[in-house]
C-alpha atoms as a PDB file:
ATOM      1  CA  UNK A   1     111.648 128.987  99.370  1.00  0.00           C
ATOM      2  CA  UNK A   2     113.283 131.332 101.467  1.00  0.00           C
ATOM      3  CA  UNK A   3     117.426 131.116 101.545  1.00  0.00           C
ATOM      4  CA  UNK A   4     119.560 134.017 104.033  1.00  0.00           C
ATOM      5  CA  UNK A   5     122.760 135.464 102.894  1.00  0.00           C
ATOM      6  CA  UNK A   6     124.915 138.206 103.660  1.00  0.00           C
ATOM      7  CA  UNK A   7     124.846 141.678 102.555  1.00  0.00           C
ATOM      8  CA  UNK A   8     126.569 145.034 103.487  1.00  0.00           C
ATOM      9  CA  UNK A   9     124.038 148.053 105.337  1.00  0.00           C
ATOM     10  CA  UNK A  10     125.810 151.002 105.404  1.00  0.00           C
ATOM     11  CA  UNK A  11     128.885 149.809 107.767  1.00  0.00           C
ATOM     12  CA  UNK A  12     127.529 146.595 109.094  1.00  0.00           C
ATOM     13  CA  UNK A  13     126.635 143.584 107.641  1.00  0.00           C
ATOM     14  CA  UNK A  14     123.038 142.588 107.567  1.00  0.00           C
ATOM     15  CA  UNK A  15     121.009 139.117 106.612  1.00  0.00           C
ATOM     16  CA  UNK A  16     118.894 138.722 103.287  1.00  0.00           C
ATOM     17  CA  UNK A  17     116.079 136.889 103.152  1.00  0.00           C
ATOM     18  CA  UNK A  18     116.584 135.137  99.547  1.00  0.00           C
ATOM     19  CA  UNK A  19     112.742 134.628  98.644  1.00  0.00           C
ATOM     20  CA  UNK A  20     112.566 132.171  95.592  1.00  0.00           C
ATOM     21  CA  UNK A  21     109.300 130.569  94.640  1.00  0.00           C
ATOM     22  CA  UNK A  22     110.032 129.550  91.099  1.00  0.00           C
ATOM     23  CA  UNK A  23     108.480 126.104  90.188  1.00  0.00           C
ATOM     24  CA  UNK A  24     112.020 125.093  89.198  1.00  0.00           C
ATOM     25  CA  UNK A  25     113.541 126.158  92.273  1.00  0.00           C
ATOM     26  CA  UNK A  26     114.045 122.818  94.198  1.00  0.00           C
ATOM     27  CA  UNK A  27     115.201 120.743  91.376  1.00  0.00           C
ATOM     28  CA  UNK A  28     117.369 123.032  90.341  1.00  0.00           C
ATOM     29  CA  UNK A  29     118.422 123.700  93.617  1.00  0.00           C
ATOM     30  CA  UNK A  30     119.814 119.709  94.054  1.00  0.00           C
ATOM     31  CA  UNK A  31     121.344 119.858  90.235  1.00  0.00           C
ATOM     32  CA  UNK A  32     123.616 122.460  91.547  1.00  0.00           C
ATOM     33  CA  UNK A  33     124.748 121.325  94.965  1.00  0.00           C
ATOM     34  CA  UNK A  34     125.054 118.122  92.858  1.00  0.00           C
ATOM     35  CA  UNK A  35     127.683 119.828  90.235  1.00  0.00           C
ATOM     36  CA  UNK A  36     129.055 121.746  93.000  1.00  0.00           C
ATOM     37  CA  UNK A  37     130.204 118.394  95.283  1.00  0.00           C
ATOM     38  CA  UNK A  38     131.768 117.595  91.934  1.00  0.00           C
ATOM     39  CA  UNK A  39     133.845 120.875  90.556  1.00  0.00           C
ATOM     40  CA  UNK A  40     137.573 121.158  90.561  1.00  0.00           C
ATOM     41  CA  UNK A  41     139.421 122.802  93.681  1.00  0.00           C
ATOM     42  CA  UNK A  42     141.124 125.602  90.835  1.00  0.00           C
ATOM     43  CA  UNK A  43     137.665 126.521  89.768  1.00  0.00           C
ATOM     44  CA  UNK A  44     136.518 129.302  91.661  1.00  0.00           C
ATOM     45  CA  UNK A  45     133.628 131.102  91.428  1.00  0.00           C
ATOM     46  CA  UNK A  46     134.735 134.222  89.529  1.00  0.00           C
ATOM     47  CA  UNK A  47     135.865 132.157  86.820  1.00  0.00           C
ATOM     48  CA  UNK A  48     131.850 130.951  86.315  1.00  0.00           C
ATOM     49  CA  UNK A  49     130.618 134.574  86.471  1.00  0.00           C
ATOM     50  CA  UNK A  50     133.081 135.004  83.762  1.00  0.00           C
ATOM     51  CA  UNK A  51     131.850 131.990  81.882  1.00  0.00           C
ATOM     52  CA  UNK A  52     128.276 133.467  82.799  1.00  0.00           C
ATOM     53  CA  UNK A  53     129.364 136.318  80.798  1.00  0.00           C
ATOM     54  CA  UNK A  54     130.671 134.353  77.977  1.00  0.00           C
ATOM     55  CA  UNK A  55     127.295 132.798  77.773  1.00  0.00           C
ATOM     56  CA  UNK A  56     125.321 136.132  77.162  1.00  0.00           C
ATOM     57  CA  UNK A  57     127.578 137.115  74.414  1.00  0.00           C
ATOM     58  CA  UNK A  58     127.427 133.988  72.810  1.00  0.00           C
ATOM     59  CA  UNK A  59     123.380 135.115  72.960  1.00  0.00           C
ATOM     60  CA  UNK A  60     124.020 138.315  71.748  1.00  0.00           C
ATOM     61  CA  UNK A  61     125.883 137.103  68.857  1.00  0.00           C
ATOM     62  CA  UNK A  62     123.848 134.124  68.003  1.00  0.00           C
ATOM     63  CA  UNK A  63     120.659 136.638  67.657  1.00  0.00           C
ATOM     64  CA  UNK A  64     123.204 139.518  65.693  1.00  0.00           C
ATOM     65  CA  UNK A  65     124.486 136.964  63.466  1.00  0.00           C
ATOM     66  CA  UNK A  66     120.427 135.860  62.930  1.00  0.00           C
ATOM     67  CA  UNK A  67     120.162 138.680  60.023  1.00  0.00           C
ATOM     68  CA  UNK A  68     122.275 136.231  57.914  1.00  0.00           C
ATOM     69  CA  UNK A  69     120.384 132.889  58.352  1.00  0.00           C
ATOM     70  CA  UNK A  70     118.601 131.414  60.988  1.00  0.00           C
ATOM     71  CA  UNK A  71     120.920 128.698  61.697  1.00  0.00           C
ATOM     72  CA  UNK A  72     122.466 131.747  63.773  1.00  0.00           C
ATOM     73  CA  UNK A  73     120.472 131.084  66.550  1.00  0.00           C
ATOM     74  CA  UNK A  74     121.753 127.780  67.764  1.00  0.00           C
ATOM     75  CA  UNK A  75     124.890 129.868  68.988  1.00  0.00           C
ATOM     76  CA  UNK A  76     122.132 131.843  71.164  1.00  0.00           C
ATOM     77  CA  UNK A  77     120.417 128.664  72.530  1.00  0.00           C
ATOM     78  CA  UNK A  78     124.157 127.239  73.280  1.00  0.00           C
ATOM     79  CA  UNK A  79     124.758 130.330  75.379  1.00  0.00           C
ATOM     80  CA  UNK A  80     121.491 130.142  77.436  1.00  0.00           C
ATOM     81  CA  UNK A  81     122.968 126.728  78.816  1.00  0.00           C
ATOM     82  CA  UNK A  82     126.177 128.314  79.032  1.00  0.00           C
ATOM     83  CA  UNK A  83     124.674 131.971  80.982  1.00  0.00           C
ATOM     84  CA  UNK A  84     122.941 129.335  83.289  1.00  0.00           C
ATOM     85  CA  UNK A  85     125.951 127.096  84.212  1.00  0.00           C
ATOM     86  CA  UNK A  86     128.004 130.030  84.607  1.00  0.00           C
ATOM     87  CA  UNK A  87     125.822 132.570  86.594  1.00  0.00           C
ATOM     88  CA  UNK A  88     123.874 129.783  88.900  1.00  0.00           C
ATOM     89  CA  UNK A  89     127.083 128.060  89.695  1.00  0.00           C
ATOM     90  CA  UNK A  90     129.041 131.036  90.908  1.00  0.00           C
ATOM     91  CA  UNK A  91     127.354 131.610  93.720  1.00  0.00           C
ATOM     92  CA  UNK A  92     126.051 128.307  94.396  1.00  0.00           C
ATOM     93  CA  UNK A  93     129.944 127.072  94.681  1.00  0.00           C
ATOM     94  CA  UNK A  94     130.796 130.016  97.156  1.00  0.00           C
ATOM     95  CA  UNK A  95     128.176 128.640  99.316  1.00  0.00           C
ATOM     96  CA  UNK A  96     128.803 125.068  98.930  1.00  0.00           C
ATOM     97  CA  UNK A  97     132.382 125.713 100.040  1.00  0.00           C
ATOM     98  CA  UNK A  98     131.522 128.175 102.546  1.00  0.00           C
ATOM     99  CA  UNK A  99     133.717 131.026 100.699  1.00  0.00           C
ATOM    100  CA  UNK A 100     131.009 133.639 100.660  1.00  0.00           C
ATOM    101  CA  UNK A 101     132.841 137.260 100.104  1.00  0.00           C
ATOM    102  CA  UNK A 102     128.569 138.970 100.953  1.00  0.00           C
ATOM    103  CA  UNK A 103     129.963 142.394  99.025  1.00  0.00           C
ATOM    104  CA  UNK A 104     132.063 142.034  96.622  1.00  0.00           C
ATOM    105  CA  UNK A 105     129.588 138.950  95.705  1.00  0.00           C
ATOM    106  CA  UNK A 106     126.046 141.228  95.934  1.00  0.00           C
ATOM    107  CA  UNK A 107     128.112 143.618  93.957  1.00  0.00           C
ATOM    108  CA  UNK A 108     129.340 141.471  91.247  1.00  0.00           C
ATOM    109  CA  UNK A 109     127.091 139.422  90.585  1.00  0.00           C
ATOM    110  CA  UNK A 110     124.319 141.716  90.393  1.00  0.00           C
ATOM    111  CA  UNK A 111     126.402 144.038  87.520  1.00  0.00           C
ATOM    112  CA  UNK A 112     126.921 141.162  85.565  1.00  0.00           C
ATOM    113  CA  UNK A 113     123.145 140.464  85.696  1.00  0.00           C
ATOM    114  CA  UNK A 114     122.391 143.631  84.449  1.00  0.00           C
ATOM    115  CA  UNK A 115     124.677 143.334  81.517  1.00  0.00           C
ATOM    116  CA  UNK A 116     123.898 140.141  80.693  1.00  0.00           C
ATOM    117  CA  UNK A 117     120.410 140.715  80.382  1.00  0.00           C
ATOM    118  CA  UNK A 118     121.112 144.044  78.853  1.00  0.00           C
ATOM    119  CA  UNK A 119     123.167 142.052  75.952  1.00  0.00           C
ATOM    120  CA  UNK A 120     120.329 139.823  75.396  1.00  0.00           C
ATOM    121  CA  UNK A 121     117.201 141.898  74.889  1.00  0.00           C
ATOM    122  CA  UNK A 122     119.458 144.044  72.863  1.00  0.00           C
ATOM    123  CA  UNK A 123     120.432 141.124  71.293  1.00  0.00           C
ATOM    124  CA  UNK A 124     117.129 140.134  70.391  1.00  0.00           C
ATOM    125  CA  UNK A 125     116.315 143.513  69.113  1.00  0.00           C
ATOM    126  CA  UNK A 126     118.956 143.825  66.569  1.00  0.00           C
ATOM    127  CA  UNK A 127     117.746 140.360  65.396  1.00  0.00           C
ATOM    128  CA  UNK A 128     115.501 140.166  62.454  1.00  0.00           C
ATOM    129  CA  UNK A 129     112.533 139.081  64.338  1.00  0.00           C
ATOM    130  CA  UNK A 130     111.922 141.647  67.177  1.00  0.00           C
ATOM    131  CA  UNK A 131     111.953 145.336  66.502  1.00  0.00           C
ATOM    132  CA  UNK A 132     114.789 147.125  68.888  1.00  0.00           C
ATOM    133  CA  UNK A 133     111.799 149.551  70.032  1.00  0.00           C
ATOM    134  CA  UNK A 134     110.062 146.513  71.430  1.00  0.00           C
ATOM    135  CA  UNK A 135     112.648 144.645  72.854  1.00  0.00           C
ATOM    136  CA  UNK A 136     113.706 147.366  75.032  1.00  0.00           C
ATOM    137  CA  UNK A 137     110.390 147.724  76.427  1.00  0.00           C
ATOM    138  CA  UNK A 138     111.141 144.522  77.909  1.00  0.00           C
ATOM    139  CA  UNK A 139     114.764 146.173  78.972  1.00  0.00           C
ATOM    140  CA  UNK A 140     112.845 148.630  81.073  1.00  0.00           C
ATOM    141  CA  UNK A 141     110.408 145.660  82.416  1.00  0.00           C
ATOM    142  CA  UNK A 142     113.461 144.801  83.571  1.00  0.00           C
ATOM    143  CA  UNK A 143     115.314 147.366  85.055  1.00  0.00           C
ATOM    144  CA  UNK A 144     112.827 148.999  86.982  1.00  0.00           C
ATOM    145  CA  UNK A 145     111.908 145.086  88.725  1.00  0.00           C
ATOM    146  CA  UNK A 146     115.640 145.195  89.618  1.00  0.00           C
ATOM    147  CA  UNK A 147     115.136 148.628  91.118  1.00  0.00           C
ATOM    148  CA  UNK A 148     112.251 147.261  92.895  1.00  0.00           C
ATOM    149  CA  UNK A 149     114.746 144.034  94.493  1.00  0.00           C
ATOM    150  CA  UNK A 150     117.361 145.725  95.387  1.00  0.00           C
ATOM    151  CA  UNK A 151     115.247 148.972  97.196  1.00  0.00           C
ATOM    152  CA  UNK A 152     113.715 145.994  98.843  1.00  0.00           C
ATOM    153  CA  UNK A 153     116.900 144.875 100.126  1.00  0.00           C
ATOM    154  CA  UNK A 154     117.665 147.895 101.660  1.00  0.00           C
ATOM    155  CA  UNK A 155     114.040 148.889 102.855  1.00  0.00           C
ATOM    156  CA  UNK A 156     112.641 145.362 103.938  1.00  0.00           C
ATOM    157  CA  UNK A 157     116.208 143.384 104.085  1.00  0.00           C
ATOM    158  CA  UNK A 158     114.123 141.005 101.103  1.00  0.00           C
ATOM    159  CA  UNK A 159     115.613 139.959  97.875  1.00  0.00           C
ATOM    160  CA  UNK A 160     112.863 139.075  95.679  1.00  0.00           C
ATOM    161  CA  UNK A 161     114.323 136.340  93.088  1.00  0.00           C
ATOM    162  CA  UNK A 162     110.952 135.127  91.290  1.00  0.00           C
ATOM    163  CA  UNK A 163     107.895 136.606  90.011  1.00  0.00           C
ATOM    164  CA  UNK A 164     104.382 134.623  89.171  1.00  0.00           C
ATOM    165  CA  UNK A 165     106.048 131.550  90.569  1.00  0.00           C
ATOM    166  CA  UNK A 166     108.491 131.966  87.536  1.00  0.00           C
ATOM    167  CA  UNK A 167     112.373 133.272  87.843  1.00  0.00           C
ATOM    168  CA  UNK A 168     115.992 133.611  85.819  1.00  0.00           C
ATOM    169  CA  UNK A 169     115.807 129.720  85.202  1.00  0.00           C
ATOM    170  CA  UNK A 170     111.917 129.743  83.959  1.00  0.00           C
ATOM    171  CA  UNK A 171     113.206 132.807  81.968  1.00  0.00           C
ATOM    172  CA  UNK A 172     115.758 131.382  80.110  1.00  0.00           C
ATOM    173  CA  UNK A 173     113.440 128.219  79.520  1.00  0.00           C
ATOM    174  CA  UNK A 174     111.039 130.442  77.980  1.00  0.00           C
ATOM    175  CA  UNK A 175     113.335 132.643  75.690  1.00  0.00           C
ATOM    176  CA  UNK A 176     115.038 129.092  74.601  1.00  0.00           C
ATOM    177  CA  UNK A 177     111.423 128.399  73.338  1.00  0.00           C
ATOM    178  CA  UNK A 178     111.073 131.701  71.419  1.00  0.00           C
ATOM    179  CA  UNK A 179     114.236 131.621  69.947  1.00  0.00           C
ATOM    180  CA  UNK A 180     113.323 127.756  68.450  1.00  0.00           C
ATOM    181  CA  UNK A 181     110.226 129.031  67.269  1.00  0.00           C
ATOM    182  CA  UNK A 182     112.137 131.860  65.558  1.00  0.00           C
ATOM    183  CA  UNK A 183     113.948 129.089  63.501  1.00  0.00           C
ATOM    184  CA  UNK A 184     110.491 127.235  62.740  1.00  0.00           C
ATOM    185  CA  UNK A 185     108.342 130.435  62.286  1.00  0.00           C
ATOM    186  CA  UNK A 186     110.558 132.528  60.375  1.00  0.00           C
ATOM    187  CA  UNK A 187     110.454 136.313  60.743  1.00  0.00           C
ATOM    188  CA  UNK A 188     107.617 137.652  58.751  1.00  0.00           C
ATOM    189  CA  UNK A 189     105.275 139.995  59.679  1.00  0.00           C
ATOM    190  CA  UNK A 190     101.561 139.497  60.832  1.00  0.00           C
ATOM    191  CA  UNK A 191     100.445 142.882  61.793  1.00  0.00           C
ATOM    192  CA  UNK A 192     100.302 146.136  60.359  1.00  0.00           C
ATOM    193  CA  UNK A 193     102.494 145.351  57.564  1.00  0.00           C
ATOM    194  CA  UNK A 194     105.572 145.427  60.503  1.00  0.00           C
ATOM    195  CA  UNK A 195     105.373 143.389  63.926  1.00  0.00           C
ATOM    196  CA  UNK A 196     105.883 140.093  63.701  1.00  0.00           C
ATOM    197  CA  UNK A 197     104.642 137.451  66.138  1.00  0.00           C
ATOM    198  CA  UNK A 198     107.894 137.936  68.628  1.00  0.00           C
ATOM    199  CA  UNK A 199     107.102 141.797  68.489  1.00  0.00           C
ATOM    200  CA  UNK A 200     103.901 141.155  70.064  1.00  0.00           C
ATOM    201  CA  UNK A 201     104.987 138.487  72.634  1.00  0.00           C
ATOM    202  CA  UNK A 202     108.512 140.433  73.529  1.00  0.00           C
ATOM    203  CA  UNK A 203     106.585 143.101  73.661  1.00  0.00           C
ATOM    204  CA  UNK A 204     103.868 141.605  76.104  1.00  0.00           C
ATOM    205  CA  UNK A 205     106.425 140.440  78.681  1.00  0.00           C
ATOM    206  CA  UNK A 206     107.638 143.461  78.954  1.00  0.00           C
ATOM    207  CA  UNK A 207     104.340 145.461  79.618  1.00  0.00           C
ATOM    208  CA  UNK A 208     104.112 142.702  82.272  1.00  0.00           C
ATOM    209  CA  UNK A 209     107.023 143.217  83.777  1.00  0.00           C
ATOM    210  CA  UNK A 210     106.201 146.774  84.238  1.00  0.00           C
ATOM    211  CA  UNK A 211     102.770 146.427  85.392  1.00  0.00           C
ATOM    212  CA  UNK A 212     104.433 144.063  88.535  1.00  0.00           C
ATOM    213  CA  UNK A 213     106.741 146.658  89.410  1.00  0.00           C
ATOM    214  CA  UNK A 214     103.858 148.855  89.447  1.00  0.00           C
ATOM    215  CA  UNK A 215     101.992 146.614  91.770  1.00  0.00           C
ATOM    216  CA  UNK A 216     104.976 145.132  93.686  1.00  0.00           C
ATOM    217  CA  UNK A 217     105.326 149.316  94.776  1.00  0.00           C
ATOM    218  CA  UNK A 218     102.422 149.604  95.687  1.00  0.00           C
ATOM    219  CA  UNK A 219     102.475 146.346  98.011  1.00  0.00           C
ATOM    220  CA  UNK A 220     105.880 147.159  99.213  1.00  0.00           C
ATOM    221  CA  UNK A 221     104.579 151.288 100.021  1.00  0.00           C
ATOM    222  CA  UNK A 222     101.497 150.109 102.187  1.00  0.00           C
ATOM    223  CA  UNK A 223     104.061 147.802 103.968  1.00  0.00           C
ATOM    224  CA  UNK A 224     105.889 150.296 104.647  1.00  0.00           C
ATOM    225  CA  UNK A 225     103.163 152.419 105.447  1.00  0.00           C
ATOM    226  CA  UNK A 226     102.066 149.536 108.356  1.00  0.00           C
ATOM    227  CA  UNK A 227     105.642 149.692 109.909  1.00  0.00           C
ATOM    228  CA  UNK A 228     106.350 153.460 110.035  1.00  0.00           C
ATOM    229  CA  UNK A 229     103.142 155.022 110.179  1.00  0.00           C
ATOM    230  CA  UNK A 230     103.094 158.799 109.720  1.00  0.00           C
ATOM    231  CA  UNK A 231     103.641 161.251 112.302  1.00  0.00           C
ATOM    232  CA  UNK A 232     101.112 163.660 113.381  1.00  0.00           C
ATOM    233  CA  UNK A 233     102.476 167.050 114.852  1.00  0.00           C
ATOM    234  CA  UNK A 234     100.222 168.259 117.450  1.00  0.00           C
ATOM    235  CA  UNK A 235      98.185 171.537 117.484  1.00  0.00           C
END
């Protein structure tokens, strides 16, 4: 699925190919369009962006409070749904109403995405289920892929929104499943007397994201090398 959007390149606006091939993309798009058609006129995209950040804070708070008891994790689960609604609907509503502000929206949306992801991952690391050091591996992987995505906008005019048929929505479902497993299984160490199965899972996801970054970097570099072959100086 490829969508086109506007972005700023220097002083001229250029089109961006928004490449989104995650498993739930089509179903999610139908749902978002249905919701957009029913949003009240007073509801603005910026309000939805704020709702998304509130959801991220709920996720962070639930994980931190889980040190007091597993039931606090239900706040995190609710937060994922709130964050999905705000984060997915802000740009969708602007496009539906044809009120896009390409530079402003691009800047604000991705800035909030970075902060929201940091809150979620650090929150997981501050819970009693995952070591902070392990959670930070996942955060590094996310940030590296984000860097690649932003560089690809500049050099290719493409914004890749999914990897291995998984995008933000699939990731949220995975994290909700992880959180439900935390409630069910508890936080007993199973490896080396320190690591839980959740440490292994989150650390593996982080390493996988780093591998994706390396592979995408090599693939993009090869593509650019073909488009811009080296200039050989005459002898």
